[in-house]
């Protein structure tokens, strides 16, 4: 499942940093979409595929995220 995707233009020989705020929320109507976990991530373009595990403070709820920033040439 793709949660977010974006295309950025990076000139040859230069790098770009994208800052993201990851938020894991519980979608329960009784709890009014309670935020479980938050994390700030920096993505350096281009970079190899990396994996991030976002979990709550009790380590009961986890989400494994794949960060992929590949190079596409036109």
N, C-alpha and C. Protein backbone atom coordinates (compact mmCIF):
# COMPACT_ATOMS: atom_id res chain seq x y z
N UNK A 1 0.84 -1.16 0.00
CA UNK A 1 0.00 0.00 0.00
C UNK A 1 0.90 1.24 0.00
N UNK A 2 0.66 2.14 -0.90
CA UNK A 2 1.40 3.39 -0.98
C UNK A 2 0.65 4.46 -0.21
N UNK A 3 1.33 5.05 0.75
CA UNK A 3 0.71 6.08 1.57
C UNK A 3 0.98 7.46 0.97
N UNK A 4 2.20 7.67 0.49
CA UNK A 4 2.59 8.98 -0.03
C UNK A 4 3.64 8.79 -1.10
N UNK A 5 3.51 9.52 -2.18
CA UNK A 5 4.54 9.51 -3.21
C UNK A 5 4.63 10.91 -3.80
N UNK A 6 5.84 11.27 -4.19
CA UNK A 6 6.09 12.60 -4.73
C UNK A 6 7.29 12.53 -5.65
N UNK A 7 7.27 13.30 -6.72
CA UNK A 7 8.39 13.38 -7.65
C UNK A 7 9.10 14.70 -7.46
N UNK A 8 10.42 14.63 -7.31
CA UNK A 8 11.25 15.82 -7.14
C UNK A 8 12.31 15.83 -8.23
N UNK A 9 12.70 17.01 -8.68
CA UNK A 9 13.77 17.14 -9.67
C UNK A 9 15.06 17.50 -8.95
N UNK A 10 16.08 16.68 -9.17
CA UNK A 10 17.39 16.90 -8.57
C UNK A 10 18.40 16.95 -9.70
N UNK A 11 19.15 18.02 -9.77
CA UNK A 11 20.16 18.18 -10.81
C UNK A 11 21.35 17.25 -10.55
N UNK A 12 22.03 16.87 -11.61
CA UNK A 12 23.17 15.96 -11.51
C UNK A 12 24.27 16.57 -10.64
N UNK A 13 24.78 15.79 -9.72
CA UNK A 13 25.85 16.25 -8.84
C UNK A 13 25.36 16.99 -7.61
N UNK A 14 24.06 17.20 -7.46
CA UNK A 14 23.51 17.89 -6.30
C UNK A 14 22.65 16.93 -5.49
N UNK A 15 22.42 17.27 -4.25
CA UNK A 15 21.56 16.45 -3.40
C UNK A 15 20.42 17.32 -2.85
N UNK A 16 19.39 16.66 -2.38
CA UNK A 16 18.22 17.34 -1.86
C UNK A 16 17.75 16.59 -0.62
N UNK A 17 17.30 17.33 0.38
CA UNK A 17 16.81 16.73 1.62
C UNK A 17 15.33 17.06 1.76
N UNK A 18 14.51 16.02 2.01
CA UNK A 18 13.08 16.18 2.24
C UNK A 18 12.80 15.82 3.69
N UNK A 19 12.15 16.73 4.41
CA UNK A 19 11.81 16.49 5.81
C UNK A 19 10.35 16.06 5.90
N UNK A 20 10.10 14.95 6.60
CA UNK A 20 8.76 14.42 6.77
C UNK A 20 8.43 14.26 8.24
N UNK A 21 7.17 14.48 8.57
CA UNK A 21 6.65 14.19 9.91
C UNK A 21 5.73 12.98 9.76
N UNK A 22 6.14 11.84 10.30
CA UNK A 22 5.34 10.62 10.24
C UNK A 22 4.47 10.54 11.48
N UNK A 23 3.17 10.32 11.28
CA UNK A 23 2.24 10.22 12.39
C UNK A 23 1.42 8.94 12.23
N UNK A 24 1.42 8.12 13.27
CA UNK A 24 0.61 6.90 13.30
C UNK A 24 -0.60 7.17 14.18
N UNK A 25 -1.79 7.05 13.58
CA UNK A 25 -3.02 7.35 14.31
C UNK A 25 -3.92 6.13 14.36
N UNK A 26 -4.67 6.04 15.45
CA UNK A 26 -5.65 4.98 15.61
C UNK A 26 -7.00 5.52 15.16
N UNK A 27 -7.64 4.82 14.22
CA UNK A 27 -8.91 5.28 13.71
C UNK A 27 -10.05 4.58 14.45
N UNK A 28 -10.32 5.06 15.63
CA UNK A 28 -11.41 4.54 16.45
C UNK A 28 -12.35 5.70 16.73
N UNK A 29 -13.62 5.54 16.38
CA UNK A 29 -14.57 6.63 16.53
C UNK A 29 -14.77 7.03 17.99
N UNK A 30 -14.57 6.13 18.90
CA UNK A 30 -14.73 6.47 20.32
C UNK A 30 -13.54 7.25 20.88
N UNK A 31 -12.35 7.05 20.29
CA UNK A 31 -11.15 7.73 20.76
C UNK A 31 -10.81 8.96 19.94
N UNK A 32 -11.60 9.26 18.92
CA UNK A 32 -11.45 10.46 18.09
C UNK A 32 -10.07 10.55 17.43
N UNK A 33 -9.66 9.50 16.75
CA UNK A 33 -8.42 9.47 15.97
C UNK A 33 -7.21 9.86 16.81
N UNK A 34 -6.96 9.12 17.82
CA UNK A 34 -5.87 9.36 18.76
C UNK A 34 -4.52 9.11 18.08
N UNK A 35 -3.56 10.02 18.29
CA UNK A 35 -2.21 9.86 17.76
C UNK A 35 -1.46 8.86 18.63
N UNK A 36 -0.92 7.82 18.00
CA UNK A 36 -0.20 6.78 18.72
C UNK A 36 1.30 7.06 18.75
N UNK A 37 1.86 7.44 17.59
CA UNK A 37 3.31 7.65 17.52
C UNK A 37 3.61 8.74 16.49
N UNK A 38 4.72 9.45 16.72
CA UNK A 38 5.19 10.48 15.81
C UNK A 38 6.70 10.35 15.66
N UNK A 39 7.19 10.67 14.46
CA UNK A 39 8.63 10.63 14.22
C UNK A 39 8.95 11.57 13.06
N UNK A 40 10.07 12.27 13.17
CA UNK A 40 10.53 13.14 12.09
C UNK A 40 11.63 12.41 11.34
N UNK A 41 11.54 12.46 9.99
CA UNK A 41 12.47 11.72 9.14
C UNK A 41 13.04 12.66 8.10
N UNK A 42 14.34 12.53 7.84
CA UNK A 42 14.98 13.25 6.74
C UNK A 42 15.32 12.25 5.65
N UNK A 43 14.89 12.55 4.44
CA UNK A 43 15.19 11.70 3.29
C UNK A 43 16.15 12.46 2.39
N UNK A 44 17.32 11.87 2.15
CA UNK A 44 18.32 12.45 1.27
C UNK A 44 18.10 11.85 -0.12
N UNK A 45 17.91 12.71 -1.11
CA UNK A 45 17.65 12.23 -2.47
C UNK A 45 18.92 12.27 -3.29
N UNK A 46 19.24 11.31 -4.08
CA UNK A 46 18.73 9.94 -4.01
C UNK A 46 19.45 9.15 -2.92
N UNK A 47 18.83 8.10 -2.44
CA UNK A 47 19.42 7.22 -1.44
C UNK A 47 18.91 5.80 -1.65
N UNK A 48 19.56 4.86 -1.01
CA UNK A 48 19.11 3.47 -1.10
C UNK A 48 17.82 3.31 -0.29
N UNK A 49 17.09 2.25 -0.58
CA UNK A 49 15.85 1.97 0.13
C UNK A 49 16.15 1.69 1.60
N UNK A 50 15.38 2.34 2.48
CA UNK A 50 15.56 2.13 3.91
C UNK A 50 14.21 1.79 4.53
N UNK A 51 14.26 1.16 5.67
CA UNK A 51 13.05 0.75 6.39
C UNK A 51 13.04 1.40 7.76
N UNK A 52 11.87 1.89 8.16
CA UNK A 52 11.69 2.52 9.46
C UNK A 52 10.54 1.82 10.17
N UNK A 53 10.74 1.49 11.43
CA UNK A 53 9.67 0.91 12.24
C UNK A 53 9.16 2.00 13.16
N UNK A 54 7.91 2.36 12.97
CA UNK A 54 7.24 3.38 13.77
C UNK A 54 6.35 2.66 14.77
N UNK A 55 6.59 2.88 16.07
CA UNK A 55 5.85 2.15 17.09
C UNK A 55 5.47 3.08 18.24
N UNK A 56 4.46 2.65 18.99
CA UNK A 56 4.01 3.45 20.14
C UNK A 56 4.96 3.24 21.31
N UNK A 57 4.76 4.01 22.37
CA UNK A 57 5.69 3.94 23.51
C UNK A 57 5.57 2.64 24.29
N UNK A 58 4.46 1.92 24.17
CA UNK A 58 4.29 0.63 24.84
C UNK A 58 4.73 -0.54 23.96
N UNK A 59 5.13 -0.25 22.72
CA UNK A 59 5.59 -1.24 21.73
C UNK A 59 4.55 -2.30 21.44
N UNK A 60 3.28 -1.92 21.45
CA UNK A 60 2.21 -2.87 21.11
C UNK A 60 1.73 -2.69 19.68
N UNK A 61 1.79 -1.47 19.18
CA UNK A 61 1.35 -1.18 17.82
C UNK A 61 2.56 -0.73 17.01
N UNK A 62 2.80 -1.39 15.87
CA UNK A 62 3.95 -1.09 15.05
C UNK A 62 3.54 -0.95 13.59
N UNK A 63 4.28 -0.13 12.86
CA UNK A 63 4.10 0.00 11.42
C UNK A 63 5.49 0.03 10.78
N UNK A 64 5.71 -0.81 9.80
CA UNK A 64 6.99 -0.85 9.10
C UNK A 64 6.84 -0.07 7.81
N UNK A 65 7.66 0.96 7.64
CA UNK A 65 7.59 1.85 6.50
C UNK A 65 8.81 1.67 5.61
N UNK A 66 8.58 1.64 4.31
CA UNK A 66 9.68 1.55 3.36
C UNK A 66 9.87 2.91 2.71
N UNK A 67 11.07 3.46 2.83
CA UNK A 67 11.42 4.74 2.22
C UNK A 67 12.25 4.43 0.99
N UNK A 68 11.72 4.78 -0.16
CA UNK A 68 12.40 4.48 -1.42
C UNK A 68 12.55 5.77 -2.21
N UNK A 69 13.77 6.15 -2.51
CA UNK A 69 14.01 7.33 -3.33
C UNK A 69 14.98 6.93 -4.43
N UNK A 70 14.44 6.52 -5.54
CA UNK A 70 15.25 6.03 -6.64
C UNK A 70 15.46 7.13 -7.68
N UNK A 71 16.42 6.91 -8.52
CA UNK A 71 16.75 7.86 -9.56
C UNK A 71 16.06 7.45 -10.86
N UNK A 72 15.39 8.41 -11.47
CA UNK A 72 14.74 8.18 -12.76
C UNK A 72 15.31 9.16 -13.75
N UNK A 73 15.72 8.67 -14.89
CA UNK A 73 16.30 9.54 -15.92
C UNK A 73 15.35 9.66 -17.09
N UNK A 74 15.25 10.86 -17.61
CA UNK A 74 14.41 11.10 -18.77
C UNK A 74 15.23 11.52 -19.96
